[in-house]
């Protein structure tokens, strides 16, 4: 079923849900400034091409590469019961040179 499109069509509804939240930690910010890398929490089953498509769709930027890291949820004690934090999948998205992404929502 190819119509000569190179671009894979992703389901935009899914892409909108894919990026759970931007990770705005001090480390993430430092990395972002140095290397033009933005960090997102993403869905557990998010694939790299989907993450790339989601970031490009939602922030209108060009993505150079995506690295994905799974972080195991920490076990926390809540009183008598043991609770688990969810496993977190993080995507480090490298933007192409000259691209800028404003997560804060303010225009530069």
PDB file of N, CA and C in Angstrom:
ATOM      1  N   UNK A   1       0.837  -1.197   0.000  1.00  0.00           N
ATOM      2  CA  UNK A   1       0.000   0.000   0.000  1.00  0.00           C
ATOM      3  C   UNK A   1       0.867   1.239   0.000  1.00  0.00           C
ATOM      4  N   UNK A   2       1.650   1.433  -1.043  1.00  0.00           N
ATOM      5  CA  UNK A   2       2.487   2.620  -1.056  1.00  0.00           C
ATOM      6  C   UNK A   2       2.003   3.561  -2.145  1.00  0.00           C
ATOM      7  N   UNK A   3       1.922   4.816  -1.780  1.00  0.00           N
ATOM      8  CA  UNK A   3       1.520   5.816  -2.752  1.00  0.00           C
ATOM      9  C   UNK A   3       2.695   6.714  -3.066  1.00  0.00           C
ATOM     10  N   UNK A   4       3.898   6.146  -2.971  1.00  0.00           N
ATOM     11  CA  UNK A   4       5.082   6.922  -3.266  1.00  0.00           C
ATOM     12  C   UNK A   4       5.380   7.985  -2.227  1.00  0.00           C
ATOM     13  N   UNK A   5       4.734   7.875  -1.036  1.00  0.00           N
ATOM     14  CA  UNK A   5       5.060   8.822   0.031  1.00  0.00           C
ATOM     15  C   UNK A   5       6.256   8.312   0.807  1.00  0.00           C
ATOM     16  N   UNK A   6       7.243   9.161   0.981  1.00  0.00           N
ATOM     17  CA  UNK A   6       8.336   8.773   1.856  1.00  0.00           C
ATOM     18  C   UNK A   6       7.879   8.944   3.302  1.00  0.00           C
ATOM     19  N   UNK A   7       7.145  10.025   3.517  1.00  0.00           N
ATOM     20  CA  UNK A   7       6.736  10.373   4.870  1.00  0.00           C
ATOM     21  C   UNK A   7       5.714   9.360   5.382  1.00  0.00           C
ATOM     22  N   UNK A   8       6.019   8.715   6.489  1.00  0.00           N
ATOM     23  CA  UNK A   8       5.056   7.804   7.080  1.00  0.00           C
ATOM     24  C   UNK A   8       3.973   8.634   7.738  1.00  0.00           C
ATOM     25  N   UNK A   9       2.725   8.270   7.527  1.00  0.00           N
ATOM     26  CA  UNK A   9       1.659   9.020   8.190  1.00  0.00           C
ATOM     27  C   UNK A   9       1.413   8.399   9.544  1.00  0.00           C
ATOM     28  N   UNK A  10       1.539   9.199  10.573  1.00  0.00           N
ATOM     29  CA  UNK A  10       1.226   8.725  11.902  1.00  0.00           C
ATOM     30  C   UNK A  10      -0.146   9.252  12.275  1.00  0.00           C
ATOM     31  N   UNK A  11      -0.758   8.595  13.208  1.00  0.00           N
ATOM     32  CA  UNK A  11      -2.047   9.017  13.702  1.00  0.00           C
ATOM     33  C   UNK A  11      -1.838  10.233  14.601  1.00  0.00           C
ATOM     34  N   UNK A  12      -2.365  11.388  14.172  1.00  0.00           N
ATOM     35  CA  UNK A  12      -2.096  12.614  14.921  1.00  0.00           C
ATOM     36  C   UNK A  12      -2.668  12.557  16.327  1.00  0.00           C
ATOM     37  N   UNK A  13      -3.791  11.893  16.482  1.00  0.00           N
ATOM     38  CA  UNK A  13      -4.385  11.770  17.807  1.00  0.00           C
ATOM     39  C   UNK A  13      -3.434  11.049  18.754  1.00  0.00           C
ATOM     40  N   UNK A  14      -2.809  10.013  18.223  1.00  0.00           N
ATOM     41  CA  UNK A  14      -1.849   9.277  19.046  1.00  0.00           C
ATOM     42  C   UNK A  14      -0.612  10.131  19.332  1.00  0.00           C
ATOM     43  N   UNK A  15      -0.166  10.843  18.313  1.00  0.00           N
ATOM     44  CA  UNK A  15       1.026  11.666  18.493  1.00  0.00           C
ATOM     45  C   UNK A  15       0.808  12.706  19.586  1.00  0.00           C
ATOM     46  N   UNK A  16      -0.429  13.234  19.636  1.00  0.00           N
ATOM     47  CA  UNK A  16      -0.736  14.259  20.626  1.00  0.00           C
ATOM     48  C   UNK A  16      -0.618  13.699  22.044  1.00  0.00           C
ATOM     49  N   UNK A  17      -0.849  12.385  22.176  1.00  0.00           N
ATOM     50  CA  UNK A  17      -0.806  11.786  23.508  1.00  0.00           C
ATOM     51  C   UNK A  17       0.571  11.228  23.841  1.00  0.00           C
ATOM     52  N   UNK A  18       1.392  11.154  22.815  1.00  0.00           N
ATOM     53  CA  UNK A  18       2.669  10.479  22.945  1.00  0.00           C
ATOM     54  C   UNK A  18       3.608  11.197  23.902  1.00  0.00           C
ATOM     55  N   UNK A  19       3.646  12.517  23.762  1.00  0.00           N
ATOM     56  CA  UNK A  19       4.540  13.298  24.612  1.00  0.00           C
ATOM     57  C   UNK A  19       3.790  13.592  25.897  1.00  0.00           C
ATOM     58  N   UNK A  20       4.157  12.899  26.950  1.00  0.00           N
ATOM     59  CA  UNK A  20       3.432  13.045  28.203  1.00  0.00           C
ATOM     60  C   UNK A  20       3.679  14.434  28.775  1.00  0.00           C
ATOM     61  N   UNK A  21       4.940  14.805  28.864  1.00  0.00           N
ATOM     62  CA  UNK A  21       5.263  16.131  29.357  1.00  0.00           C
ATOM     63  C   UNK A  21       6.719  16.423  29.061  1.00  0.00           C
ATOM     64  N   UNK A  22       7.022  17.695  28.876  1.00  0.00           N
ATOM     65  CA  UNK A  22       8.434  18.031  28.727  1.00  0.00           C
ATOM     66  C   UNK A  22       9.114  17.828  30.070  1.00  0.00           C
ATOM     67  N   UNK A  23      10.350  17.398  30.056  1.00  0.00           N
ATOM     68  CA  UNK A  23      11.077  17.261  31.305  1.00  0.00           C
ATOM     69  C   UNK A  23      11.853  18.556  31.499  1.00  0.00           C
ATOM     70  N   UNK A  24      11.452  19.320  32.497  1.00  0.00           N
ATOM     71  CA  UNK A  24      12.149  20.580  32.713  1.00  0.00           C
ATOM     72  C   UNK A  24      12.878  20.481  34.042  1.00  0.00           C
ATOM     73  N   UNK A  25      13.973  19.740  34.024  1.00  0.00           N
ATOM     74  CA  UNK A  25      14.798  19.653  35.223  1.00  0.00           C
ATOM     75  C   UNK A  25      16.033  20.501  34.945  1.00  0.00           C
ATOM     76  N   UNK A  26      16.816  20.751  35.980  1.00  0.00           N
ATOM     77  CA  UNK A  26      17.998  21.573  35.736  1.00  0.00           C
ATOM     78  C   UNK A  26      18.935  20.885  34.758  1.00  0.00           C
ATOM     79  N   UNK A  27      19.049  19.575  34.934  1.00  0.00           N
ATOM     80  CA  UNK A  27      19.940  18.846  34.038  1.00  0.00           C
ATOM     81  C   UNK A  27      19.419  18.943  32.600  1.00  0.00           C
ATOM     82  N   UNK A  28      18.122  18.759  32.444  1.00  0.00           N
ATOM     83  CA  UNK A  28      17.542  18.802  31.103  1.00  0.00           C
ATOM     84  C   UNK A  28      17.769  20.177  30.478  1.00  0.00           C
ATOM     85  N   UNK A  29      17.643  21.214  31.289  1.00  0.00           N
ATOM     86  CA  UNK A  29      17.820  22.565  30.767  1.00  0.00           C
ATOM     87  C   UNK A  29      19.266  22.816  30.359  1.00  0.00           C
ATOM     88  N   UNK A  30      20.189  22.329  31.179  1.00  0.00           N
ATOM     89  CA  UNK A  30      21.598  22.525  30.836  1.00  0.00           C
ATOM     90  C   UNK A  30      21.954  21.807  29.546  1.00  0.00           C
ATOM     91  N   UNK A  31      21.458  20.590  29.425  1.00  0.00           N
ATOM     92  CA  UNK A  31      21.713  19.820  28.207  1.00  0.00           C
ATOM     93  C   UNK A  31      21.103  20.553  27.015  1.00  0.00           C
ATOM     94  N   UNK A  32      19.902  21.066  27.217  1.00  0.00           N
ATOM     95  CA  UNK A  32      19.187  21.734  26.134  1.00  0.00           C
ATOM     96  C   UNK A  32      19.991  22.919  25.610  1.00  0.00           C
ATOM     97  N   UNK A  33      20.554  23.698  26.542  1.00  0.00           N
ATOM     98  CA  UNK A  33      21.271  24.889  26.100  1.00  0.00           C
ATOM     99  C   UNK A  33      22.553  24.534  25.382  1.00  0.00           C
ATOM    100  N   UNK A  34      23.225  23.487  25.881  1.00  0.00           N
ATOM    101  CA  UNK A  34      24.497  23.124  25.271  1.00  0.00           C
ATOM    102  C   UNK A  34      24.317  22.446  23.920  1.00  0.00           C
ATOM    103  N   UNK A  35      23.407  21.506  23.872  1.00  0.00           N
ATOM    104  CA  UNK A  35      23.394  20.608  22.722  1.00  0.00           C
ATOM    105  C   UNK A  35      22.125  20.664  21.897  1.00  0.00           C
ATOM    106  N   UNK A  36      21.236  21.605  22.224  1.00  0.00           N
ATOM    107  CA  UNK A  36      19.993  21.693  21.459  1.00  0.00           C
ATOM    108  C   UNK A  36      19.191  20.403  21.601  1.00  0.00           C
ATOM    109  N   UNK A  37      19.163  19.888  22.826  1.00  0.00           N
ATOM    110  CA  UNK A  37      18.440  18.654  23.097  1.00  0.00           C
ATOM    111  C   UNK A  37      17.259  18.967  24.003  1.00  0.00           C
ATOM    112  N   UNK A  38      16.120  18.427  23.664  1.00  0.00           N
ATOM    113  CA  UNK A  38      14.943  18.619  24.510  1.00  0.00           C
ATOM    114  C   UNK A  38      14.528  17.266  25.049  1.00  0.00           C
ATOM    115  N   UNK A  39      14.154  17.226  26.310  1.00  0.00           N
ATOM    116  CA  UNK A  39      13.789  15.965  26.934  1.00  0.00           C
ATOM    117  C   UNK A  39      12.290  15.907  27.175  1.00  0.00           C
ATOM    118  N   UNK A  40      11.678  14.798  26.812  1.00  0.00           N
ATOM    119  CA  UNK A  40      10.248  14.602  27.049  1.00  0.00           C
ATOM    120  C   UNK A  40      10.024  13.307  27.781  1.00  0.00           C
ATOM    121  N   UNK A  41       8.997  13.292  28.620  1.00  0.00           N
ATOM    122  CA  UNK A  41       8.473  12.011  29.075  1.00  0.00           C
ATOM    123  C   UNK A  41       7.545  11.553  27.972  1.00  0.00           C
ATOM    124  N   UNK A  42       7.635  10.287  27.615  1.00  0.00           N
ATOM    125  CA  UNK A  42       6.786   9.779  26.547  1.00  0.00           C
ATOM    126  C   UNK A  42       6.082   8.500  26.996  1.00  0.00           C
ATOM    127  N   UNK A  43       5.093   8.094  26.240  1.00  0.00           N
ATOM    128  CA  UNK A  43       4.380   6.860  26.554  1.00  0.00           C
ATOM    129  C   UNK A  43       5.334   5.681  26.507  1.00  0.00           C
ATOM    130  N   UNK A  44       5.017   4.683  27.338  1.00  0.00           N
ATOM    131  CA  UNK A  44       5.847   3.489  27.463  1.00  0.00           C
ATOM    132  C   UNK A  44       6.115   2.824  26.104  1.00  0.00           C
ATOM    133  N   UNK A  45       5.163   2.869  25.212  1.00  0.00           N
ATOM    134  CA  UNK A  45       5.329   2.139  23.955  1.00  0.00           C
ATOM    135  C   UNK A  45       5.647   3.067  22.784  1.00  0.00           C
ATOM    136  N   UNK A  46       6.090   4.265  23.100  1.00  0.00           N
ATOM    137  CA  UNK A  46       6.392   5.217  22.034  1.00  0.00           C
ATOM    138  C   UNK A  46       7.632   4.771  21.261  1.00  0.00           C
ATOM    139  N   UNK A  47       7.534   4.791  19.956  1.00  0.00           N
ATOM    140  CA  UNK A  47       8.669   4.426  19.118  1.00  0.00           C
ATOM    141  C   UNK A  47       9.393   5.699  18.680  1.00  0.00           C
ATOM    142  N   UNK A  48      10.680   5.557  18.404  1.00  0.00           N
ATOM    143  CA  UNK A  48      11.471   6.732  18.025  1.00  0.00           C
ATOM    144  C   UNK A  48      10.862   7.523  16.861  1.00  0.00           C
ATOM    145  N   UNK A  49      10.462   6.855  15.784  1.00  0.00           N
ATOM    146  CA  UNK A  49       9.914   7.634  14.663  1.00  0.00           C
ATOM    147  C   UNK A  49       8.655   8.396  15.067  1.00  0.00           C
ATOM    148  N   UNK A  50       7.881   7.799  15.973  1.00  0.00           N
ATOM    149  CA  UNK A  50       6.660   8.470  16.418  1.00  0.00           C
ATOM    150  C   UNK A  50       6.992   9.698  17.250  1.00  0.00           C
ATOM    151  N   UNK A  51       7.999   9.547  18.092  1.00  0.00           N
ATOM    152  CA  UNK A  51       8.395  10.671  18.943  1.00  0.00           C
ATOM    153  C   UNK A  51       8.867  11.824  18.068  1.00  0.00           C
ATOM    154  N   UNK A  52       9.677  11.474  17.083  1.00  0.00           N
ATOM    155  CA  UNK A  52      10.185  12.489  16.159  1.00  0.00           C
ATOM    156  C   UNK A  52       9.019  13.188  15.468  1.00  0.00           C
ATOM    157  N   UNK A  53       8.072  12.394  14.983  1.00  0.00           N
ATOM    158  CA  UNK A  53       6.923  12.969  14.284  1.00  0.00           C
ATOM    159  C   UNK A  53       6.099  13.842  15.227  1.00  0.00           C
ATOM    160  N   UNK A  54       5.956  13.397  16.468  1.00  0.00           N
ATOM    161  CA  UNK A  54       5.145  14.140  17.433  1.00  0.00           C
ATOM    162  C   UNK A  54       5.779  15.494  17.740  1.00  0.00           C
ATOM    163  N   UNK A  55       7.084  15.493  17.946  1.00  0.00           N
ATOM    164  CA  UNK A  55       7.764  16.750  18.272  1.00  0.00           C
ATOM    165  C   UNK A  55       7.697  17.699  17.077  1.00  0.00           C
ATOM    166  N   UNK A  56       7.901  17.140  15.885  1.00  0.00           N
ATOM    167  CA  UNK A  56       7.866  17.988  14.694  1.00  0.00           C
ATOM    168  C   UNK A  56       6.475  18.548  14.467  1.00  0.00           C
ATOM    169  N   UNK A  57       5.475  17.716  14.744  1.00  0.00           N
ATOM    170  CA  UNK A  57       4.094  18.145  14.551  1.00  0.00           C
ATOM    171  C   UNK A  57       3.715  19.234  15.550  1.00  0.00           C
ATOM    172  N   UNK A  58       4.052  19.000  16.817  1.00  0.00           N
ATOM    173  CA  UNK A  58       3.548  19.878  17.855  1.00  0.00           C
ATOM    174  C   UNK A  58       4.362  21.147  18.019  1.00  0.00           C
ATOM    175  N   UNK A  59       5.630  21.085  17.675  1.00  0.00           N
ATOM    176  CA  UNK A  59       6.467  22.266  17.914  1.00  0.00           C
ATOM    177  C   UNK A  59       7.004  22.875  16.626  1.00  0.00           C
ATOM    178  N   UNK A  60       6.638  22.265  15.504  1.00  0.00           N
ATOM    179  CA  UNK A  60       7.032  22.794  14.200  1.00  0.00           C
ATOM    180  C   UNK A  60       8.540  23.022  14.121  1.00  0.00           C
ATOM    181  N   UNK A  61       9.283  22.014  14.562  1.00  0.00           N
ATOM    182  CA  UNK A  61      10.739  22.098  14.467  1.00  0.00           C
ATOM    183  C   UNK A  61      11.242  20.881  13.710  1.00  0.00           C
ATOM    184  N   UNK A  62      12.488  20.939  13.297  1.00  0.00           N
ATOM    185  CA  UNK A  62      13.082  19.785  12.635  1.00  0.00           C
ATOM    186  C   UNK A  62      13.941  19.028  13.625  1.00  0.00           C
ATOM    187  N   UNK A  63      13.707  17.733  13.680  1.00  0.00           N
ATOM    188  CA  UNK A  63      14.401  16.897  14.646  1.00  0.00           C
ATOM    189  C   UNK A  63      15.524  16.142  13.958  1.00  0.00           C
ATOM    190  N   UNK A  64      16.677  16.170  14.566  1.00  0.00           N
ATOM    191  CA  UNK A  64      17.818  15.453  13.996  1.00  0.00           C
ATOM    192  C   UNK A  64      17.826  14.009  14.453  1.00  0.00           C
ATOM    193  N   UNK A  65      17.665  13.792  15.756  1.00  0.00           N
ATOM    194  CA  UNK A  65      17.690  12.420  16.239  1.00  0.00           C
ATOM    195  C   UNK A  65      16.934  12.306  17.555  1.00  0.00           C
ATOM    196  N   UNK A  66      16.578  11.081  17.882  1.00  0.00           N
ATOM    197  CA  UNK A  66      15.854  10.813  19.120  1.00  0.00           C
ATOM    198  C   UNK A  66      16.551   9.673  19.853  1.00  0.00           C
ATOM    199  N   UNK A  67      16.845   9.877  21.113  1.00  0.00           N
ATOM    200  CA  UNK A  67      17.343   8.791  21.954  1.00  0.00           C
ATOM    201  C   UNK A  67      16.313   8.516  23.014  1.00  0.00           C
ATOM    202  N   UNK A  68      16.072   7.244  23.281  1.00  0.00           N
ATOM    203  CA  UNK A  68      15.051   6.904  24.252  1.00  0.00           C
ATOM    204  C   UNK A  68      15.675   6.152  25.415  1.00  0.00           C
ATOM    205  N   UNK A  69      15.304   6.533  26.611  1.00  0.00           N
ATOM    206  CA  UNK A  69      15.832   5.897  27.812  1.00  0.00           C
ATOM    207  C   UNK A  69      14.657   5.458  28.669  1.00  0.00           C
ATOM    208  N   UNK A  70      14.683   4.216  29.102  1.00  0.00           N
ATOM    209  CA  UNK A  70      13.653   3.764  30.036  1.00  0.00           C
ATOM    210  C   UNK A  70      14.181   3.889  31.452  1.00  0.00           C
ATOM    211  N   UNK A  71      13.415   4.533  32.296  1.00  0.00           N
ATOM    212  CA  UNK A  71      13.810   4.644  33.695  1.00  0.00           C
ATOM    213  C   UNK A  71      12.863   3.791  34.500  1.00  0.00           C
ATOM    214  N   UNK A  72      13.412   2.918  35.292  1.00  0.00           N
ATOM    215  CA  UNK A  72      12.556   2.070  36.126  1.00  0.00           C
ATOM    216  C   UNK A  72      11.923   2.913  37.213  1.00  0.00           C
ATOM    217  N   UNK A  73      10.642   2.645  37.483  1.00  0.00           N
ATOM    218  CA  UNK A  73       9.981   3.394  38.538  1.00  0.00           C
ATOM    219  C   UNK A  73      10.598   3.042  39.875  1.00  0.00           C
ATOM    220  N   UNK A  74      10.727   4.030  40.729  1.00  0.00           N
ATOM    221  CA  UNK A  74      11.274   3.759  42.054  1.00  0.00           C
ATOM    222  C   UNK A  74      10.188   3.166  42.932  1.00  0.00           C
ATOM    223  N   UNK A  75      10.584   2.263  43.803  1.00  0.00           N
ATOM    224  CA  UNK A  75       9.621   1.757  44.777  1.00  0.00           C
ATOM    225  C   UNK A  75       9.589   2.731  45.939  1.00  0.00           C
ATOM    226  N   UNK A  76       8.401   3.145  46.294  1.00  0.00           N
ATOM    227  CA  UNK A  76       8.267   4.105  47.389  1.00  0.00           C
ATOM    228  C   UNK A  76       7.411   3.473  48.464  1.00  0.00           C
ATOM    229  N   UNK A  77       7.689   3.807  49.695  1.00  0.00           N
ATOM    230  CA  UNK A  77       6.815   3.326  50.763  1.00  0.00           C
ATOM    231  C   UNK A  77       5.771   4.381  51.044  1.00  0.00           C
ATOM    232  N   UNK A  78       4.529   3.980  51.018  1.00  0.00           N
ATOM    233  CA  UNK A  78       3.458   4.882  51.439  1.00  0.00           C
ATOM    234  C   UNK A  78       2.880   4.267  52.695  1.00  0.00           C
ATOM    235  N   UNK A  79       3.339   4.707  53.842  1.00  0.00           N
ATOM    236  CA  UNK A  79       2.852   4.116  55.082  1.00  0.00           C
ATOM    237  C   UNK A  79       3.122   2.629  55.076  1.00  0.00           C
ATOM    238  N   UNK A  80       2.057   1.840  55.247  1.00  0.00           N
ATOM    239  CA  UNK A  80       2.241   0.393  55.318  1.00  0.00           C
ATOM    240  C   UNK A  80       2.357  -0.250  53.946  1.00  0.00           C
ATOM    241  N   UNK A  81       1.794   0.422  52.941  1.00  0.00           N
ATOM    242  CA  UNK A  81       1.762  -0.242  51.638  1.00  0.00           C
ATOM    243  C   UNK A  81       2.938   0.194  50.773  1.00  0.00           C
ATOM    244  N   UNK A  82       3.392  -0.710  49.967  1.00  0.00           N
ATOM    245  CA  UNK A  82       4.446  -0.373  49.020  1.00  0.00           C
ATOM    246  C   UNK A  82       3.783   0.159  47.763  1.00  0.00           C
ATOM    247  N   UNK A  83       4.262   1.273  47.310  1.00  0.00           N
ATOM    248  CA  UNK A  83       3.714   1.798  46.062  1.00  0.00           C
ATOM    249  C   UNK A  83       4.826   1.833  45.044  1.00  0.00           C
ATOM    250  N   UNK A  84       4.462   1.734  43.790  1.00  0.00           N
ATOM    251  CA  UNK A  84       5.489   1.855  42.759  1.00  0.00           C
ATOM    252  C   UNK A  84       5.185   3.058  41.900  1.00  0.00           C
ATOM    253  N   UNK A  85       6.224   3.772  41.605  1.00  0.00           N
ATOM    254  CA  UNK A  85       6.032   4.827  40.627  1.00  0.00           C
ATOM    255  C   UNK A  85       6.043   4.165  39.265  1.00  0.00           C
ATOM    256  N   UNK A  86       5.387   4.781  38.333  1.00  0.00           N
ATOM    257  CA  UNK A  86       5.385   4.236  36.983  1.00  0.00           C
ATOM    258  C   UNK A  86       6.783   4.263  36.401  1.00  0.00           C
ATOM    259  N   UNK A  87       7.041   3.304  35.549  1.00  0.00           N
ATOM    260  CA  UNK A  87       8.258   3.387  34.772  1.00  0.00           C
ATOM    261  C   UNK A  87       8.111   4.580  33.837  1.00  0.00           C
ATOM    262  N   UNK A  88       9.192   5.255  33.634  1.00  0.00           N
ATOM    263  CA  UNK A  88       9.142   6.433  32.790  1.00  0.00           C
ATOM    264  C   UNK A  88      10.012   6.194  31.577  1.00  0.00           C
ATOM    265  N   UNK A  89       9.499   6.538  30.441  1.00  0.00           N
ATOM    266  CA  UNK A  89      10.296   6.463  29.230  1.00  0.00           C
ATOM    267  C   UNK A  89      10.621   7.907  28.861  1.00  0.00           C
ATOM    268  N   UNK A  90      11.886   8.185  28.717  1.00  0.00           N
ATOM    269  CA  UNK A  90      12.265   9.549  28.380  1.00  0.00           C
ATOM    270  C   UNK A  90      12.855   9.582  26.992  1.00  0.00           C
ATOM    271  N   UNK A  91      12.530  10.619  26.279  1.00  0.00           N
ATOM    272  CA  UNK A  91      13.094  10.803  24.952  1.00  0.00           C
ATOM    273  C   UNK A  91      13.962  12.049  24.961  1.00  0.00           C
ATOM    274  N   UNK A  92      15.202  11.880  24.528  1.00  0.00           N
ATOM    275  CA  UNK A  92      16.081  13.026  24.349  1.00  0.00           C
ATOM    276  C   UNK A  92      16.052  13.354  22.872  1.00  0.00           C
ATOM    277  N   UNK A  93      15.489  14.492  22.550  1.00  0.00           N
ATOM    278  CA  UNK A  93      15.288  14.849  21.151  1.00  0.00           C
ATOM    279  C   UNK A  93      16.313  15.909  20.764  1.00  0.00           C
ATOM    280  N   UNK A  94      17.141  15.575  19.795  1.00  0.00           N
ATOM    281  CA  UNK A  94      18.140  16.538  19.325  1.00  0.00           C
ATOM    282  C   UNK A  94      17.577  17.291  18.134  1.00  0.00           C
ATOM    283  N   UNK A  95      17.564  18.604  18.234  1.00  0.00           N
ATOM    284  CA  UNK A  95      17.046  19.411  17.138  1.00  0.00           C
ATOM    285  C   UNK A  95      18.158  19.706  16.146  1.00  0.00           C
ATOM    286  N   UNK A  96      17.756  19.948  14.903  1.00  0.00           N
ATOM    287  CA  UNK A  96      18.758  20.319  13.907  1.00  0.00           C
ATOM    288  C   UNK A  96      19.303  21.696  14.274  1.00  0.00           C
ATOM    289  N   UNK A  97      20.545  21.966  13.913  1.00  0.00           N
ATOM    290  CA  UNK A  97      21.157  23.256  14.246  1.00  0.00           C
ATOM    291  C   UNK A  97      20.276  24.401  13.772  1.00  0.00           C
ATOM    292  N   UNK A  98      20.156  25.412  14.603  1.00  0.00           N
ATOM    293  CA  UNK A  98      19.366  26.574  14.212  1.00  0.00           C
ATOM    294  C   UNK A  98      17.902  26.455  14.581  1.00  0.00           C
ATOM    295  N   UNK A  99      17.475  25.266  15.002  1.00  0.00           N
ATOM    296  CA  UNK A  99      16.090  25.079  15.396  1.00  0.00           C
ATOM    297  C   UNK A  99      15.962  25.420  16.871  1.00  0.00           C
ATOM    298  N   UNK A 100      14.854  26.029  17.227  1.00  0.00           N
ATOM    299  CA  UNK A 100      14.674  26.331  18.632  1.00  0.00           C
ATOM    300  C   UNK A 100      13.289  25.897  19.063  1.00  0.00           C
ATOM    301  N   UNK A 101      13.216  25.398  20.259  1.00  0.00           N
ATOM    302  CA  UNK A 101      11.932  24.907  20.741  1.00  0.00           C
ATOM    303  C   UNK A 101      11.629  25.611  22.049  1.00  0.00           C
ATOM    304  N   UNK A 102      10.502  26.302  22.077  1.00  0.00           N
ATOM    305  CA  UNK A 102      10.124  26.981  23.315  1.00  0.00           C
ATOM    306  C   UNK A 102       9.103  26.159  24.055  1.00  0.00           C
ATOM    307  N   UNK A 103       9.556  25.464  25.083  1.00  0.00           N
ATOM    308  CA  UNK A 103       8.637  24.664  25.869  1.00  0.00           C
ATOM    309  C   UNK A 103       7.869  25.560  26.817  1.00  0.00           C
ATOM    310  N   UNK A 104       8.526  26.631  27.252  1.00  0.00           N
ATOM    311  CA  UNK A 104       7.911  27.495  28.255  1.00  0.00           C
ATOM    312  C   UNK A 104       6.666  28.167  27.702  1.00  0.00           C
ATOM    313  N   UNK A 105       6.496  28.135  26.391  1.00  0.00           N
ATOM    314  CA  UNK A 105       5.301  28.701  25.802  1.00  0.00           C
ATOM    315  C   UNK A 105       5.435  30.193  25.546  1.00  0.00           C
ATOM    316  N   UNK A 106       6.606  30.757  25.860  1.00  0.00           N
ATOM    317  CA  UNK A 106       6.783  32.174  25.567  1.00  0.00           C
ATOM    318  C   UNK A 106       7.497  32.308  24.245  1.00  0.00           C
ATOM    319  N   UNK A 107       7.103  33.283  23.485  1.00  0.00           N
ATOM    320  CA  UNK A 107       7.777  33.512  22.232  1.00  0.00           C
ATOM    321  C   UNK A 107       9.124  34.160  22.528  1.00  0.00           C
ATOM    322  N   UNK A 108      10.133  33.747  21.787  1.00  0.00           N
ATOM    323  CA  UNK A 108      11.476  34.299  22.036  1.00  0.00           C
ATOM    324  C   UNK A 108      11.542  35.724  21.528  1.00  0.00           C
TER     325      UNK A 108
END
